Structures are given as structure tokens and as C-alpha cells.
Amino acid sequence: MIKVISSFLVLGLVLLPFFASAQSKSTLHLKITNLENTDGQLIIFVHHGPEGFPRKGMYKVVKTSELKLPVTTVTIEGITYGVTAISVLHDENNSGKMDFNWAHFPAEKFGFYKYYKVKLIEPSYEDVEFQVDAPEMELEIIMQ
């Protein structure tokens, strides 16, 4: 009897890392609102630290055919649990980067999870970070 219990304990300890790692990834469902048109593409950046925020990091591109008004929904799978920030660029001309007007203000819409109304400077990572802590999460991003 003790041998059987010991076997189950050893098996549990061997399988524990497998189950723990299977639970450490999340699927994020992004509800992106306030787009003005379906031109170009959305570039979605997922940041797991302040390095490169807000324009560099893991990203997903959503092409024109997938953009919808008034709400575009994007699913991103395999996001590691922990502190995260998300930034979105509506790259209307497919240049792959943010375009600016003559006064160096953004000429294309952008947004962050944890809606941050940008005035004269962009937010820091800490301003818009949040905790990924569930297997699935629904997040709203309001473009500005």
C-alpha cells in the first residue's frame, strides 16, 4: 500500500511542472474600439517589461480584411502570466510605423489597455501595465 502511494506521489511530482507550465499561458481577447476606418493594418505590441515600450516587443499584425467598424476583436494566444502592457497602432498607410504630422503629433490612431488619455507625452510602461493572471481575459482598447 505504501508503495502504491509513493508511486502516485512520484508521478505527481514528475507531472507537476507539465501542468504548471500548461496553466501559465493566457489567451487575450482584445476589443478595439474607436477606429475611424478599415484602411491599413493594426499593429499590436505585447510588452513584458519596459524595454522597447511602446513600439517594440512581441507583436501581431491584423490586416485590413480583418478590421471591422465599430469594433474589431483580436485574439492573441500564448501570453505568459505576469505583468504586461499592450499598445496598438492603426497603421493606416501600411508603413509599419507611427506617422507624425508637422507638429510631431501622431497622425494615426493608437491605444493602450487601461485607457490612458495621451496629452503631450506618451505613457510609461508603469502607467498602463496590468497583470495577466487568468487562462482567458477580455480587454478593451479605446483608440485615440
Protein backbone atom coordinates (compact mmCIF):
# COMPACT_ATOMS: atom_id res chain seq x y z
CA MET A 1 0.00 0.00 0.00
CA ILE A 2 2.81 2.41 0.88
CA LYS A 3 4.50 1.51 -2.43
CA VAL A 4 1.35 2.49 -4.36
CA ILE A 5 1.04 5.81 -2.52
CA SER A 6 4.74 6.51 -3.10
CA SER A 7 4.32 5.79 -6.80
CA PHE A 8 1.45 8.28 -7.07
CA LEU A 9 3.45 10.93 -5.21
CA VAL A 10 6.46 10.47 -7.51
CA LEU A 11 4.21 10.53 -10.60
CA GLY A 12 2.55 13.71 -9.30
CA LEU A 13 5.90 15.40 -8.76
CA VAL A 14 7.06 14.40 -12.24
CA LEU A 15 3.88 15.71 -13.91
CA LEU A 16 3.54 18.88 -11.80
CA PRO A 17 5.87 21.02 -13.97
CA PHE A 18 3.95 19.96 -17.09
CA PHE A 19 0.60 21.02 -15.66
CA ALA A 20 2.04 24.20 -14.16
CA SER A 21 3.53 25.28 -17.49
CA ALA A 22 0.28 24.46 -19.30
CA GLN A 23 -1.54 26.87 -16.97
CA SER A 24 1.00 29.70 -17.25
CA LYS A 25 -0.18 30.93 -20.66
CA SER A 26 -3.21 33.08 -21.34
CA THR A 27 -5.39 33.92 -24.32
CA LEU A 28 -6.22 37.62 -24.59
CA HIS A 29 -9.35 38.75 -26.43
CA LEU A 30 -8.86 42.42 -27.38
CA LYS A 31 -11.94 44.52 -28.14
CA ILE A 32 -10.57 47.50 -30.09
CA THR A 33 -12.94 50.45 -30.43
CA ASN A 34 -12.98 53.99 -31.86
CA LEU A 35 -11.35 53.16 -35.21
CA GLU A 36 -12.32 55.68 -37.90
CA ASN A 37 -11.81 53.42 -40.92
CA THR A 38 -10.63 49.98 -42.01
CA ASP A 39 -7.61 51.18 -44.02
CA GLY A 40 -4.20 49.64 -43.44
CA GLN A 41 -3.48 47.36 -40.52
CA LEU A 42 -3.40 47.16 -36.74
CA ILE A 43 -0.04 46.50 -35.13
CA ILE A 44 -0.45 45.15 -31.61
CA PHE A 45 2.54 45.17 -29.29
CA VAL A 46 2.62 42.98 -26.17
CA HIS A 47 5.25 44.06 -23.65
CA HIS A 48 6.53 42.01 -20.72
CA GLY A 49 8.70 44.82 -19.39
CA PRO A 50 9.52 48.47 -20.07
CA GLU A 51 12.24 47.69 -22.64
CA GLY A 52 11.08 48.91 -26.05
CA PHE A 53 7.72 50.16 -24.79
CA PRO A 54 5.50 51.26 -26.57
CA ARG A 55 6.74 50.48 -30.11
CA LYS A 56 8.89 47.35 -29.86
CA GLY A 57 8.23 43.92 -28.47
CA MET A 58 6.21 40.85 -29.35
CA TYR A 59 3.61 41.89 -31.89
CA LYS A 60 0.74 40.71 -34.03
CA VAL A 61 -0.36 42.37 -37.27
CA VAL A 62 -4.06 42.46 -38.16
CA LYS A 63 -4.56 43.09 -41.88
CA THR A 64 -7.22 45.29 -43.46
CA SER A 65 -9.55 42.42 -44.30
CA GLU A 66 -9.87 41.64 -40.58
CA LEU A 67 -10.63 45.21 -39.44
CA LYS A 68 -14.27 45.93 -38.66
CA LEU A 69 -16.20 49.00 -37.55
CA PRO A 70 -17.26 49.91 -34.89
CA VAL A 71 -15.40 47.11 -33.03
CA THR A 72 -12.51 44.91 -34.12
CA THR A 73 -11.86 41.84 -31.98
CA VAL A 74 -8.39 40.29 -31.96
CA THR A 75 -7.32 37.13 -30.13
CA ILE A 76 -3.72 36.66 -29.03
CA GLU A 77 -2.76 33.27 -27.63
CA GLY A 78 0.20 32.12 -25.58
CA ILE A 79 0.70 35.23 -23.45
CA THR A 80 2.81 34.44 -20.39
CA TYR A 81 1.28 35.17 -16.98
CA GLY A 82 2.73 38.21 -15.26
CA VAL A 83 2.94 41.97 -15.62
CA THR A 84 2.17 43.03 -19.19
CA ALA A 85 1.31 46.13 -21.22
CA ILE A 86 -0.40 46.31 -24.61
CA SER A 87 -0.11 49.10 -27.17
CA VAL A 88 -1.91 49.25 -30.52
CA LEU A 89 -1.16 51.29 -33.64
CA HIS A 90 -3.65 51.74 -36.50
CA ASP A 91 -1.10 51.87 -39.32
CA GLU A 92 -3.46 53.27 -41.97
CA ASN A 93 -0.84 53.52 -44.74
CA ASN A 94 0.94 50.17 -44.05
CA SER A 95 4.25 51.92 -43.37
CA GLY A 96 4.93 49.65 -40.38
CA LYS A 97 5.47 52.60 -38.04
CA MET A 98 3.70 55.54 -36.43
CA ASP A 99 3.40 58.57 -38.72
CA PHE A 100 3.51 62.09 -37.29
CA ASN A 101 2.20 65.43 -38.53
CA TRP A 102 4.27 68.61 -38.96
CA ALA A 103 3.98 69.40 -35.21
CA HIS A 104 5.22 65.88 -34.38
CA PHE A 105 1.85 64.74 -33.06
CA PRO A 106 0.65 61.25 -34.08
CA ALA A 107 -1.14 61.26 -37.44
CA GLU A 108 -2.52 57.74 -36.88
CA LYS A 109 -4.68 56.34 -34.10
CA PHE A 110 -3.13 54.43 -31.21
CA GLY A 111 -4.28 52.98 -27.93
CA PHE A 112 -3.29 51.20 -24.74
CA TYR A 113 -5.04 48.74 -22.50
CA LYS A 114 -6.02 50.55 -19.28
CA TYR A 115 -7.15 53.52 -21.35
CA TYR A 116 -4.57 56.24 -20.99
CA LYS A 117 -5.52 59.59 -22.50
CA VAL A 118 -2.31 60.90 -24.03
CA LYS A 119 -1.91 64.64 -23.84
CA LEU A 120 1.64 65.82 -24.65
CA ILE A 121 3.71 62.74 -23.80
CA GLU A 122 3.17 59.03 -24.21
CA PRO A 123 2.58 56.93 -21.09
CA SER A 124 5.29 54.98 -19.34
CA TYR A 125 5.11 51.20 -19.11
CA GLU A 126 4.08 51.54 -15.48
CA ASP A 127 1.13 53.79 -16.44
CA VAL A 128 -0.55 51.03 -18.47
CA GLU A 129 0.80 47.75 -17.08
CA PHE A 130 -1.62 45.09 -15.85
CA GLN A 131 -1.50 41.55 -14.51
CA VAL A 132 -2.16 38.61 -16.83
CA ASP A 133 -3.45 36.07 -14.34
CA ALA A 134 -6.22 34.03 -15.97
CA PRO A 135 -6.38 31.45 -18.77
CA GLU A 136 -8.58 33.85 -20.80
CA MET A 137 -9.02 37.61 -20.45
CA GLU A 138 -11.17 40.14 -22.30
CA LEU A 139 -9.64 43.60 -22.63
CA GLU A 140 -10.99 46.80 -24.22
CA ILE A 141 -8.66 49.20 -26.01
CA ILE A 142 -10.07 52.60 -26.98
CA MET A 143 -8.15 54.11 -29.88
CA GLN A 144 -7.30 57.82 -29.78
